PDB file of N, CA and C in Angstrom:
ATOM      1  N   MET A   1      95.555 107.289   7.916  1.00  0.00           N
ATOM      2  CA  MET A   1      94.951 106.508   6.858  1.00  0.00           C
ATOM      3  C   MET A   1      93.506 106.952   6.703  1.00  0.00           C
ATOM      4  N   ALA A   2      93.058 107.168   5.469  1.00  0.00           N
ATOM      5  CA  ALA A   2      91.695 107.621   5.200  1.00  0.00           C
ATOM      6  C   ALA A   2      90.705 106.491   5.444  1.00  0.00           C
ATOM      7  N   ALA A   3      89.465 106.857   5.758  1.00  0.00           N
ATOM      8  CA  ALA A   3      88.430 105.867   6.032  1.00  0.00           C
ATOM      9  C   ALA A   3      88.203 104.972   4.818  1.00  0.00           C
ATOM     10  N   ASP A   4      88.145 103.659   5.040  1.00  0.00           N
ATOM     11  CA  ASP A   4      87.890 102.675   3.995  1.00  0.00           C
ATOM     12  C   ASP A   4      86.389 102.679   3.714  1.00  0.00           C
ATOM     13  N   PRO A   5      85.973 103.047   2.488  1.00  0.00           N
ATOM     14  CA  PRO A   5      84.538 103.133   2.209  1.00  0.00           C
ATOM     15  C   PRO A   5      83.807 101.806   2.392  1.00  0.00           C
ATOM     16  N   ASN A   6      84.476 100.673   2.144  1.00  0.00           N
ATOM     17  CA  ASN A   6      83.814  99.378   2.326  1.00  0.00           C
ATOM     18  C   ASN A   6      83.520  99.102   3.791  1.00  0.00           C
ATOM     19  N   ALA A   7      84.491  99.312   4.665  1.00  0.00           N
ATOM     20  CA  ALA A   7      84.278  99.093   6.099  1.00  0.00           C
ATOM     21  C   ALA A   7      83.224 100.057   6.625  1.00  0.00           C
ATOM     22  N   THR A   8      83.281 101.302   6.187  1.00  0.00           N
ATOM     23  CA  THR A   8      82.316 102.307   6.633  1.00  0.00           C
ATOM     24  C   THR A   8      80.909 101.928   6.186  1.00  0.00           C
ATOM     25  N   THR A   9      80.742 101.512   4.929  1.00  0.00           N
ATOM     26  CA  THR A   9      79.431 101.140   4.409  1.00  0.00           C
ATOM     27  C   THR A   9      78.849  99.961   5.170  1.00  0.00           C
ATOM     28  N   VAL A  10      79.664  98.951   5.469  1.00  0.00           N
ATOM     29  CA  VAL A  10      79.186  97.790   6.223  1.00  0.00           C
ATOM     30  C   VAL A  10      78.689  98.219   7.600  1.00  0.00           C
ATOM     31  N   LEU A  11      79.444  99.055   8.293  1.00  0.00           N
ATOM     32  CA  LEU A  11      79.050  99.506   9.623  1.00  0.00           C
ATOM     33  C   LEU A  11      77.775 100.338   9.571  1.00  0.00           C
ATOM     34  N   VAL A  12      77.683 101.263   8.622  1.00  0.00           N
ATOM     35  CA  VAL A  12      76.498 102.114   8.508  1.00  0.00           C
ATOM     36  C   VAL A  12      75.261 101.260   8.268  1.00  0.00           C
ATOM     37  N   ARG A  13      75.342 100.309   7.339  1.00  0.00           N
ATOM     38  CA  ARG A  13      74.184  99.444   7.064  1.00  0.00           C
ATOM     39  C   ARG A  13      73.822  98.599   8.283  1.00  0.00           C
ATOM     40  N   TYR A  14      74.825  98.086   8.992  1.00  0.00           N
ATOM     41  CA  TYR A  14      74.573  97.273  10.177  1.00  0.00           C
ATOM     42  C   TYR A  14      73.832  98.088  11.236  1.00  0.00           C
ATOM     43  N   VAL A  15      74.313  99.278  11.515  1.00  0.00           N
ATOM     44  CA  VAL A  15      73.683 100.121  12.536  1.00  0.00           C
ATOM     45  C   VAL A  15      72.266 100.486  12.121  1.00  0.00           C
ATOM     46  N   ALA A  16      72.053 100.832  10.852  1.00  0.00           N
ATOM     47  CA  ALA A  16      70.710 101.183  10.368  1.00  0.00           C
ATOM     48  C   ALA A  16      69.754 100.004  10.524  1.00  0.00           C
ATOM     49  N   ASN A  17      70.225  98.810  10.234  1.00  0.00           N
ATOM     50  CA  ASN A  17      69.359  97.634  10.355  1.00  0.00           C
ATOM     51  C   ASN A  17      69.080  97.274  11.807  1.00  0.00           C
ATOM     52  N   ILE A  18      70.059  97.438  12.697  1.00  0.00           N
ATOM     53  CA  ILE A  18      69.835  97.164  14.119  1.00  0.00           C
ATOM     54  C   ILE A  18      68.801  98.141  14.688  1.00  0.00           C
ATOM     55  N   MET A  19      68.914  99.400  14.317  1.00  0.00           N
ATOM     56  CA  MET A  19      68.013 100.410  14.859  1.00  0.00           C
ATOM     57  C   MET A  19      66.664 100.412  14.144  1.00  0.00           C
ATOM     58  N   LEU A  20      66.562  99.688  13.015  1.00  0.00           N
ATOM     59  CA  LEU A  20      65.321  99.553  12.259  1.00  0.00           C
ATOM     60  C   LEU A  20      64.675 100.884  11.913  1.00  0.00           C
ATOM     61  N   CYS A  21      65.503 101.836  11.544  1.00  0.00           N
ATOM     62  CA  CYS A  21      64.934 103.154  11.275  1.00  0.00           C
ATOM     63  C   CYS A  21      65.880 104.014  10.446  1.00  0.00           C
ATOM     64  N   PHE A  22      65.400 105.175  10.142  1.00  0.00           N
ATOM     65  CA  PHE A  22      66.164 106.213   9.463  1.00  0.00           C
ATOM     66  C   PHE A  22      67.327 106.646  10.345  1.00  0.00           C
ATOM     67  N   LEU A  23      68.467 106.834   9.759  1.00  0.00           N
ATOM     68  CA  LEU A  23      69.611 107.376  10.483  1.00  0.00           C
ATOM     69  C   LEU A  23      70.166 108.563   9.727  1.00  0.00           C
ATOM     70  N   GLU A  24      70.641 109.523  10.438  1.00  0.00           N
ATOM     71  CA  GLU A  24      71.390 110.619   9.855  1.00  0.00           C
ATOM     72  C   GLU A  24      72.819 110.444  10.360  1.00  0.00           C
ATOM     73  N   VAL A  25      73.753 110.296   9.450  1.00  0.00           N
ATOM     74  CA  VAL A  25      75.128 109.970   9.811  1.00  0.00           C
ATOM     75  C   VAL A  25      76.005 111.195   9.635  1.00  0.00           C
ATOM     76  N   SER A  26      76.764 111.549  10.677  1.00  0.00           N
ATOM     77  CA  SER A  26      77.595 112.743  10.609  1.00  0.00           C
ATOM     78  C   SER A  26      79.009 112.452  10.173  1.00  0.00           C
ATOM     79  N   LYS A  27      79.562 111.319  10.608  1.00  0.00           N
ATOM     80  CA  LYS A  27      80.965 111.086  10.303  1.00  0.00           C
ATOM     81  C   LYS A  27      81.332 109.644  10.533  1.00  0.00           C
ATOM     82  N   ALA A  28      82.363 109.225   9.855  1.00  0.00           N
ATOM     83  CA  ALA A  28      82.999 107.945  10.139  1.00  0.00           C
ATOM     84  C   ALA A  28      84.483 108.258  10.173  1.00  0.00           C
ATOM     85  N   GLU A  29      85.084 108.094  11.318  1.00  0.00           N
ATOM     86  CA  GLU A  29      86.491 108.458  11.489  1.00  0.00           C
ATOM     87  C   GLU A  29      87.411 107.383  10.944  1.00  0.00           C
ATOM     88  N   ASP A  30      88.685 107.738  10.802  1.00  0.00           N
ATOM     89  CA  ASP A  30      89.704 106.773  10.437  1.00  0.00           C
ATOM     90  C   ASP A  30      89.828 105.732  11.547  1.00  0.00           C
ATOM     91  N   VAL A  31      90.430 104.591  11.219  1.00  0.00           N
ATOM     92  CA  VAL A  31      90.674 103.563  12.238  1.00  0.00           C
ATOM     93  C   VAL A  31      91.607 104.130  13.298  1.00  0.00           C
ATOM     94  N   HIS A  32      91.269 103.893  14.554  1.00  0.00           N
ATOM     95  CA  HIS A  32      92.073 104.390  15.666  1.00  0.00           C
ATOM     96  C   HIS A  32      91.979 103.395  16.832  1.00  0.00           C
ATOM     97  N   PRO A  33      92.983 103.382  17.736  1.00  0.00           N
ATOM     98  CA  PRO A  33      93.012 102.406  18.826  1.00  0.00           C
ATOM     99  C   PRO A  33      92.645 102.976  20.194  1.00  0.00           C
ATOM    100  N   THR A  34      91.861 104.049  20.225  1.00  0.00           N
ATOM    101  CA  THR A  34      91.468 104.645  21.501  1.00  0.00           C
ATOM    102  C   THR A  34      89.982 104.974  21.485  1.00  0.00           C
ATOM    103  N   THR A  35      89.441 105.165  22.680  1.00  0.00           N
ATOM    104  CA  THR A  35      88.068 105.627  22.831  1.00  0.00           C
ATOM    105  C   THR A  35      88.033 106.560  24.039  1.00  0.00           C
ATOM    106  N   THR A  36      86.949 107.292  24.204  1.00  0.00           N
ATOM    107  CA  THR A  36      86.818 108.205  25.332  1.00  0.00           C
ATOM    108  C   THR A  36      85.687 107.734  26.230  1.00  0.00           C
ATOM    109  N   LYS A  37      85.977 107.585  27.518  1.00  0.00           N
ATOM    110  CA  LYS A  37      84.959 107.216  28.507  1.00  0.00           C
ATOM    111  C   LYS A  37      85.051 108.194  29.655  1.00  0.00           C
ATOM    112  N   GLY A  38      83.944 108.860  29.914  1.00  0.00           N
ATOM    113  CA  GLY A  38      83.924 109.833  31.002  1.00  0.00           C
ATOM    114  C   GLY A  38      84.921 110.956  30.809  1.00  0.00           C
ATOM    115  N   GLY A  39      85.182 111.319  29.548  1.00  0.00           N
ATOM    116  CA  GLY A  39      86.111 112.398  29.244  1.00  0.00           C
ATOM    117  C   GLY A  39      87.571 111.989  29.255  1.00  0.00           C
ATOM    118  N   VAL A  40      87.851 110.699  29.482  1.00  0.00           N
ATOM    119  CA  VAL A  40      89.225 110.205  29.529  1.00  0.00           C
ATOM    120  C   VAL A  40      89.489 109.315  28.313  1.00  0.00           C
ATOM    121  N   VAL A  41      90.580 109.589  27.591  1.00  0.00           N
ATOM    122  CA  VAL A  41      90.955 108.775  26.439  1.00  0.00           C
ATOM    123  C   VAL A  41      91.633 107.506  26.943  1.00  0.00           C
ATOM    124  N   ILE A  42      91.120 106.343  26.492  1.00  0.00           N
ATOM    125  CA  ILE A  42      91.696 105.059  26.918  1.00  0.00           C
ATOM    126  C   ILE A  42      91.989 104.187  25.701  1.00  0.00           C
ATOM    127  N   LYS A  43      92.878 103.200  25.882  1.00  0.00           N
ATOM    128  CA  LYS A  43      93.239 102.282  24.816  1.00  0.00           C
ATOM    129  C   LYS A  43      92.058 101.372  24.491  1.00  0.00           C
ATOM    130  N   ASP A  44      91.898 101.065  23.199  1.00  0.00           N
ATOM    131  CA  ASP A  44      90.829 100.195  22.732  1.00  0.00           C
ATOM    132  C   ASP A  44      91.363  99.410  21.539  1.00  0.00           C
ATOM    133  N   ASP A  45      90.635  98.389  21.102  1.00  0.00           N
ATOM    134  CA  ASP A  45      91.010  97.679  19.891  1.00  0.00           C
ATOM    135  C   ASP A  45      90.814  98.610  18.690  1.00  0.00           C
ATOM    136  N   PRO A  46      91.500  98.374  17.571  1.00  0.00           N
ATOM    137  CA  PRO A  46      91.337  99.226  16.390  1.00  0.00           C
ATOM    138  C   PRO A  46      89.873  99.231  15.917  1.00  0.00           C
ATOM    139  N   HIS A  47      89.353 100.424  15.625  1.00  0.00           N
ATOM    140  CA  HIS A  47      87.961 100.548  15.182  1.00  0.00           C
ATOM    141  C   HIS A  47      87.730 101.873  14.465  1.00  0.00           C
ATOM    142  N   ILE A  48      86.614 101.928  13.719  1.00  0.00           N
ATOM    143  CA  ILE A  48      86.134 103.199  13.201  1.00  0.00           C
ATOM    144  C   ILE A  48      84.975 103.619  14.098  1.00  0.00           C
ATOM    145  N   THR A  49      84.753 104.913  14.205  1.00  0.00           N
ATOM    146  CA  THR A  49      83.652 105.434  14.996  1.00  0.00           C
ATOM    147  C   THR A  49      82.667 106.109  14.054  1.00  0.00           C
ATOM    148  N   LEU A  50      81.398 105.832  14.244  1.00  0.00           N
ATOM    149  CA  LEU A  50      80.346 106.388  13.416  1.00  0.00           C
ATOM    150  C   LEU A  50      79.327 107.066  14.310  1.00  0.00           C
ATOM    151  N   CYS A  51      79.106 108.360  14.120  1.00  0.00           N
ATOM    152  CA  CYS A  51      78.078 109.081  14.874  1.00  0.00           C
ATOM    153  C   CYS A  51      76.809 109.118  14.038  1.00  0.00           C
ATOM    154  N   SER A  52      75.675 108.825  14.673  1.00  0.00           N
ATOM    155  CA  SER A  52      74.406 108.790  13.948  1.00  0.00           C
ATOM    156  C   SER A  52      73.259 109.192  14.875  1.00  0.00           C
ATOM    157  N   LYS A  53      72.096 109.491  14.250  1.00  0.00           N
ATOM    158  CA  LYS A  53      70.899 109.798  15.020  1.00  0.00           C
ATOM    159  C   LYS A  53      69.683 109.380  14.219  1.00  0.00           C
ATOM    160  N   ASN A  54      68.619 108.996  14.922  1.00  0.00           N
ATOM    161  CA  ASN A  54      67.359 108.687  14.265  1.00  0.00           C
ATOM    162  C   ASN A  54      66.461 109.928  14.329  1.00  0.00           C
ATOM    163  N   SER A  55      65.230 109.811  13.829  1.00  0.00           N
ATOM    164  CA  SER A  55      64.361 110.988  13.756  1.00  0.00           C
ATOM    165  C   SER A  55      64.010 111.546  15.137  1.00  0.00           C
ATOM    166  N   ILE A  56      63.866 110.699  16.146  1.00  0.00           N
ATOM    167  CA  ILE A  56      63.571 111.177  17.504  1.00  0.00           C
ATOM    168  C   ILE A  56      64.779 111.919  18.066  1.00  0.00           C
ATOM    169  N   GLN A  57      65.971 111.324  17.896  1.00  0.00           N
ATOM    170  CA  GLN A  57      67.197 111.967  18.383  1.00  0.00           C
ATOM    171  C   GLN A  57      67.438 113.291  17.663  1.00  0.00           C
ATOM    172  N   LYS A  58      67.041 113.384  16.407  1.00  0.00           N
ATOM    173  CA  LYS A  58      67.191 114.643  15.667  1.00  0.00           C
ATOM    174  C   LYS A  58      66.372 115.740  16.345  1.00  0.00           C
ATOM    175  N   GLN A  59      65.139 115.418  16.740  1.00  0.00           N
ATOM    176  CA  GLN A  59      64.282 116.397  17.424  1.00  0.00           C
ATOM    177  C   GLN A  59      64.817 116.757  18.800  1.00  0.00           C
ATOM    178  N   GLU A  60      65.456 115.792  19.463  1.00  0.00           N
ATOM    179  CA  GLU A  60      65.954 116.007  20.828  1.00  0.00           C
ATOM    180  C   GLU A  60      67.398 116.518  20.882  1.00  0.00           C
ATOM    181  N   ASN A  61      68.017 116.743  19.706  1.00  0.00           N
ATOM    182  CA  ASN A  61      69.411 117.206  19.631  1.00  0.00           C
ATOM    183  C   ASN A  61      70.354 116.274  20.382  1.00  0.00           C
ATOM    184  N   THR A  62      70.173 114.952  20.130  1.00  0.00           N
ATOM    185  CA  THR A  62      71.042 113.935  20.697  1.00  0.00           C
ATOM    186  C   THR A  62      71.544 113.032  19.568  1.00  0.00           C
ATOM    187  N   HIS A  63      72.520 112.185  19.853  1.00  0.00           N
ATOM    188  CA  HIS A  63      73.087 111.266  18.862  1.00  0.00           C
ATOM    189  C   HIS A  63      73.720 110.078  19.565  1.00  0.00           C
ATOM    190  N   GLU A  64      74.158 109.092  18.776  1.00  0.00           N
ATOM    191  CA  GLU A  64      74.874 107.929  19.284  1.00  0.00           C
ATOM    192  C   GLU A  64      76.183 107.784  18.520  1.00  0.00           C
ATOM    193  N   ALA A  65      77.161 107.156  19.144  1.00  0.00           N
ATOM    194  CA  ALA A  65      78.428 106.859  18.487  1.00  0.00           C
ATOM    195  C   ALA A  65      78.655 105.353  18.565  1.00  0.00           C
ATOM    196  N   SER A  66      78.714 104.682  17.406  1.00  0.00           N
ATOM    197  CA  SER A  66      78.928 103.239  17.356  1.00  0.00           C
ATOM    198  C   SER A  66      80.324 102.950  16.834  1.00  0.00           C
ATOM    199  N   HIS A  67      80.819 101.746  17.135  1.00  0.00           N
ATOM    200  CA  HIS A  67      82.148 101.341  16.681  1.00  0.00           C
ATOM    201  C   HIS A  67      82.037 100.154  15.738  1.00  0.00           C
ATOM    202  N   GLY A  68      82.944 100.123  14.765  1.00  0.00           N
ATOM    203  CA  GLY A  68      83.116  98.967  13.894  1.00  0.00           C
ATOM    204  C   GLY A  68      84.553  98.508  14.064  1.00  0.00           C
ATOM    205  N   TYR A  69      84.763  97.420  14.790  1.00  0.00           N
ATOM    206  CA  TYR A  69      86.118  96.956  15.090  1.00  0.00           C
ATOM    207  C   TYR A  69      86.729  96.260  13.878  1.00  0.00           C
ATOM    208  N   THR A  70      88.007  96.543  13.637  1.00  0.00           N
ATOM    209  CA  THR A  70      88.735  96.004  12.493  1.00  0.00           C
ATOM    210  C   THR A  70      89.850  95.075  12.971  1.00  0.00           C
ATOM    211  N   ARG A  71      90.421  94.304  12.036  1.00  0.00           N
ATOM    212  CA  ARG A  71      91.505  93.381  12.416  1.00  0.00           C
ATOM    213  C   ARG A  71      92.702  94.123  12.998  1.00  0.00           C
ATOM    214  N   THR A  72      93.147  95.156  12.294  1.00  0.00           N
ATOM    215  CA  THR A  72      94.307  95.943  12.734  1.00  0.00           C
ATOM    216  C   THR A  72      94.102  97.388  12.294  1.00  0.00           C
ATOM    217  N   LEU A  73      95.085  98.235  12.602  1.00  0.00           N
ATOM    218  CA  LEU A  73      95.026  99.632  12.150  1.00  0.00           C
ATOM    219  C   LEU A  73      95.153  99.748  10.636  1.00  0.00           C
ATOM    220  N   THR A  74      95.750  98.745   9.992  1.00  0.00           N
ATOM    221  CA  THR A  74      95.951  98.802   8.535  1.00  0.00           C
ATOM    222  C   THR A  74      95.087  97.805   7.769  1.00  0.00           C
ATOM    223  N   ASP A  75      94.547  96.784   8.436  1.00  0.00           N
ATOM    224  CA  ASP A  75      93.639  95.831   7.793  1.00  0.00           C
ATOM    225  C   ASP A  75      92.230  96.174   8.244  1.00  0.00           C
ATOM    226  N   TRP A  76      91.460  96.781   7.352  1.00  0.00           N
ATOM    227  CA  TRP A  76      90.147  97.313   7.698  1.00  0.00           C
ATOM    228  C   TRP A  76      89.023  96.299   7.580  1.00  0.00           C
ATOM    229  N   THR A  77      89.351  95.015   7.607  1.00  0.00           N
ATOM    230  CA  THR A  77      88.302  94.000   7.580  1.00  0.00           C
ATOM    231  C   THR A  77      87.475  94.141   8.858  1.00  0.00           C
ATOM    232  N   LEU A  78      86.175  94.327   8.681  1.00  0.00           N
ATOM    233  CA  LEU A  78      85.293  94.510   9.829  1.00  0.00           C
ATOM    234  C   LEU A  78      85.105  93.171  10.536  1.00  0.00           C
ATOM    235  N   VAL A  79      85.513  93.093  11.808  1.00  0.00           N
ATOM    236  CA  VAL A  79      85.409  91.843  12.551  1.00  0.00           C
ATOM    237  C   VAL A  79      84.308  91.870  13.611  1.00  0.00           C
ATOM    238  N   ARG A  80      83.909  93.069  14.057  1.00  0.00           N
ATOM    239  CA  ARG A  80      82.890  93.135  15.106  1.00  0.00           C
ATOM    240  C   ARG A  80      82.239  94.511  15.130  1.00  0.00           C
ATOM    241  N   PRO A  81      80.984  94.608  14.672  1.00  0.00           N
ATOM    242  CA  PRO A  81      80.273  95.871  14.836  1.00  0.00           C
ATOM    243  C   PRO A  81      79.771  95.987  16.270  1.00  0.00           C
ATOM    244  N   SER A  82      79.782  97.182  16.804  1.00  0.00           N
ATOM    245  CA  SER A  82      79.346  97.408  18.181  1.00  0.00           C
ATOM    246  C   SER A  82      78.451  98.644  18.239  1.00  0.00           C
ATOM    247  N   PRO A  83      77.117  98.441  18.130  1.00  0.00           N
ATOM    248  CA  PRO A  83      76.205  99.593  18.199  1.00  0.00           C
ATOM    249  C   PRO A  83      76.313 100.306  19.546  1.00  0.00           C
ATOM    250  N   SER A  84      76.015 101.572  19.536  1.00  0.00           N
ATOM    251  CA  SER A  84      76.078 102.384  20.749  1.00  0.00           C
ATOM    252  C   SER A  84      75.081 101.903  21.785  1.00  0.00           C
ATOM    253  N   LYS A  85      75.451 102.082  23.043  1.00  0.00           N
ATOM    254  CA  LYS A  85      74.541 101.797  24.151  1.00  0.00           C
ATOM    255  C   LYS A  85      74.135 103.089  24.849  1.00  0.00           C
ATOM    256  N   PHE A  86      74.669 104.221  24.370  1.00  0.00           N
ATOM    257  CA  PHE A  86      74.435 105.498  25.035  1.00  0.00           C
ATOM    258  C   PHE A  86      73.999 106.559  24.035  1.00  0.00           C
ATOM    259  N   VAL A  87      73.091 107.419  24.465  1.00  0.00           N
ATOM    260  CA  VAL A  87      72.675 108.575  23.685  1.00  0.00           C
ATOM    261  C   VAL A  87      73.279 109.799  24.367  1.00  0.00           C
ATOM    262  N   LYS A  88      73.919 110.674  23.558  1.00  0.00           N
ATOM    263  CA  LYS A  88      74.596 111.843  24.118  1.00  0.00           C
ATOM    264  C   LYS A  88      74.008 113.126  23.525  1.00  0.00           C
ATOM    265  N   PRO A  89      74.053 114.230  24.278  1.00  0.00           N
ATOM    266  CA  PRO A  89      73.651 115.520  23.715  1.00  0.00           C
ATOM    267  C   PRO A  89      74.582 115.885  22.550  1.00  0.00           C
ATOM    268  N   ASP A  90      74.032 116.553  21.526  1.00  0.00           N
ATOM    269  CA  ASP A  90      74.837 116.937  20.370  1.00  0.00           C
ATOM    270  C   ASP A  90      76.002 117.843  20.735  1.00  0.00           C
ATOM    271  N   ASP A  91      75.879 118.619  21.801  1.00  0.00           N
ATOM    272  CA  ASP A  91      76.961 119.541  22.160  1.00  0.00           C
ATOM    273  C   ASP A  91      78.042 118.889  23.028  1.00  0.00           C
ATOM    274  N   THR A  92      77.983 117.540  23.188  1.00  0.00           N
ATOM    275  CA  THR A  92      79.052 116.821  23.890  1.00  0.00           C
ATOM    276  C   THR A  92      80.372 117.099  23.181  1.00  0.00           C
ATOM    277  N   LYS A  93      81.418 117.342  23.948  1.00  0.00           N
ATOM    278  CA  LYS A  93      82.728 117.688  23.370  1.00  0.00           C
ATOM    279  C   LYS A  93      83.592 116.452  23.160  1.00  0.00           C
ATOM    280  N   ASP A  94      84.404 116.477  22.079  1.00  0.00           N
ATOM    281  CA  ASP A  94      85.370 115.403  21.854  1.00  0.00           C
ATOM    282  C   ASP A  94      86.630 115.682  22.673  1.00  0.00           C
ATOM    283  N   SER A  95      87.652 114.848  22.515  1.00  0.00           N
ATOM    284  CA  SER A  95      88.863 115.012  23.325  1.00  0.00           C
ATOM    285  C   SER A  95      89.625 116.299  23.007  1.00  0.00           C
ATOM    286  N   ASN A  96      89.269 116.968  21.888  1.00  0.00           N
ATOM    287  CA  ASN A  96      89.888 118.248  21.541  1.00  0.00           C
ATOM    288  C   ASN A  96      89.026 119.443  21.957  1.00  0.00           C
ATOM    289  N   GLY A  97      87.922 119.165  22.665  1.00  0.00           N
ATOM    290  CA  GLY A  97      87.064 120.239  23.138  1.00  0.00           C
ATOM    291  C   GLY A  97      86.070 120.754  22.110  1.00  0.00           C
ATOM    292  N   LYS A  98      85.909 120.051  20.979  1.00  0.00           N
ATOM    293  CA  LYS A  98      84.976 120.472  19.928  1.00  0.00           C
ATOM    294  C   LYS A  98      83.690 119.660  20.043  1.00  0.00           C
ATOM    295  N   PRO A  99      82.524 120.296  19.727  1.00  0.00           N
ATOM    296  CA  PRO A  99      81.266 119.549  19.779  1.00  0.00           C
ATOM    297  C   PRO A  99      81.307 118.371  18.804  1.00  0.00           C
ATOM    298  N   ILE A 100      80.802 117.222  19.243  1.00  0.00           N
ATOM    299  CA  ILE A 100      80.796 116.041  18.382  1.00  0.00           C
ATOM    300  C   ILE A 100      79.809 116.218  17.233  1.00  0.00           C
ATOM    301  N   TRP A 101      78.682 116.860  17.492  1.00  0.00           N
ATOM    302  CA  TRP A 101      77.664 117.073  16.458  1.00  0.00           C
ATOM    303  C   TRP A 101      77.313 118.563  16.446  1.00  0.00           C
ATOM    304  N   PRO A 102      78.191 119.398  15.862  1.00  0.00           N
ATOM    305  CA  PRO A 102      77.925 120.839  15.868  1.00  0.00           C
ATOM    306  C   PRO A 102      76.724 121.222  15.002  1.00  0.00           C
ATOM    307  N   SER A 103      76.109 122.334  15.316  1.00  0.00           N
ATOM    308  CA  SER A 103      74.981 122.848  14.545  1.00  0.00           C
ATOM    309  C   SER A 103      75.399 123.032  13.086  1.00  0.00           C
ATOM    310  N   GLY A 104      74.527 122.612  12.158  1.00  0.00           N
ATOM    311  CA  GLY A 104      74.811 122.781  10.734  1.00  0.00           C
ATOM    312  C   GLY A 104      75.730 121.722  10.143  1.00  0.00           C
ATOM    313  N   LEU A 105      76.014 120.667  10.896  1.00  0.00           N
ATOM    314  CA  LEU A 105      76.906 119.618  10.419  1.00  0.00           C
ATOM    315  C   LEU A 105      76.337 118.935   9.179  1.00  0.00           C
ATOM    316  N   LYS A 106      77.169 118.739   8.157  1.00  0.00           N
ATOM    317  CA  LYS A 106      76.747 118.047   6.944  1.00  0.00           C
ATOM    318  C   LYS A 106      76.572 116.556   7.263  1.00  0.00           C
ATOM    319  N   THR A 107      75.433 115.974   6.837  1.00  0.00           N
ATOM    320  CA  THR A 107      75.128 114.585   7.153  1.00  0.00           C
ATOM    321  C   THR A 107      74.728 113.813   5.898  1.00  0.00           C
ATOM    322  N   GLU A 108      74.666 112.500   6.032  1.00  0.00           N
ATOM    323  CA  GLU A 108      74.183 111.609   4.982  1.00  0.00           C
ATOM    324  C   GLU A 108      73.027 110.820   5.574  1.00  0.00           C
ATOM    325  N   THR A 109      71.939 110.658   4.807  1.00  0.00           N
ATOM    326  CA  THR A 109      70.785 109.924   5.287  1.00  0.00           C
ATOM    327  C   THR A 109      70.838 108.482   4.811  1.00  0.00           C
ATOM    328  N   ILE A 110      70.649 107.549   5.742  1.00  0.00           N
ATOM    329  CA  ILE A 110      70.631 106.121   5.458  1.00  0.00           C
ATOM    330  C   ILE A 110      69.253 105.616   5.895  1.00  0.00           C
ATOM    331  N   VAL A 111      68.595 104.801   5.066  1.00  0.00           N
ATOM    332  CA  VAL A 111      67.274 104.285   5.398  1.00  0.00           C
ATOM    333  C   VAL A 111      67.403 102.790   5.703  1.00  0.00           C
ATOM    334  N   HIS A 112      66.704 102.325   6.715  1.00  0.00           N
ATOM    335  CA  HIS A 112      66.724 100.908   7.113  1.00  0.00           C
ATOM    336  C   HIS A 112      66.520 100.027   5.881  1.00  0.00           C
ATOM    337  N   GLY A 113      67.381  99.033   5.741  1.00  0.00           N
ATOM    338  CA  GLY A 113      67.279  98.101   4.636  1.00  0.00           C
ATOM    339  C   GLY A 113      67.906  98.614   3.351  1.00  0.00           C
ATOM    340  N   GLY A 114      68.326  99.861   3.361  1.00  0.00           N
ATOM    341  CA  GLY A 114      68.890 100.456   2.160  1.00  0.00           C
ATOM    342  C   GLY A 114      70.378 100.601   2.268  1.00  0.00           C
ATOM    343  N   GLY A 115      70.962 101.314   1.367  1.00  0.00           N
ATOM    344  CA  GLY A 115      72.393 101.521   1.379  1.00  0.00           C
ATOM    345  C   GLY A 115      72.660 102.866   1.008  1.00  0.00           C
TER     346      GLY A 115
END
């Protein structure tokens, strides 16, 4: 299922407002019921994942991944946003061995308080 633009927009605005700053957003994935911790894929509640970075993280080549939890895999009503608690190097690999934030990645800029 393709990413729901309404759920994605709500999560992006929420994260930008929590961080009170400029964000550069790389991706918002489809709803999925798993997450990766310590390189191990584990079961999780349905959510979208959003990778973002602020201006300091941009200089340091790091980023954060936040979750927006939804009711179900098919009902994309956002029930619980969960900002990241961890900053990761951009070359961190996903479960397929690909960098999460590869060099030259196309991004969208979101400004605090904006949309």
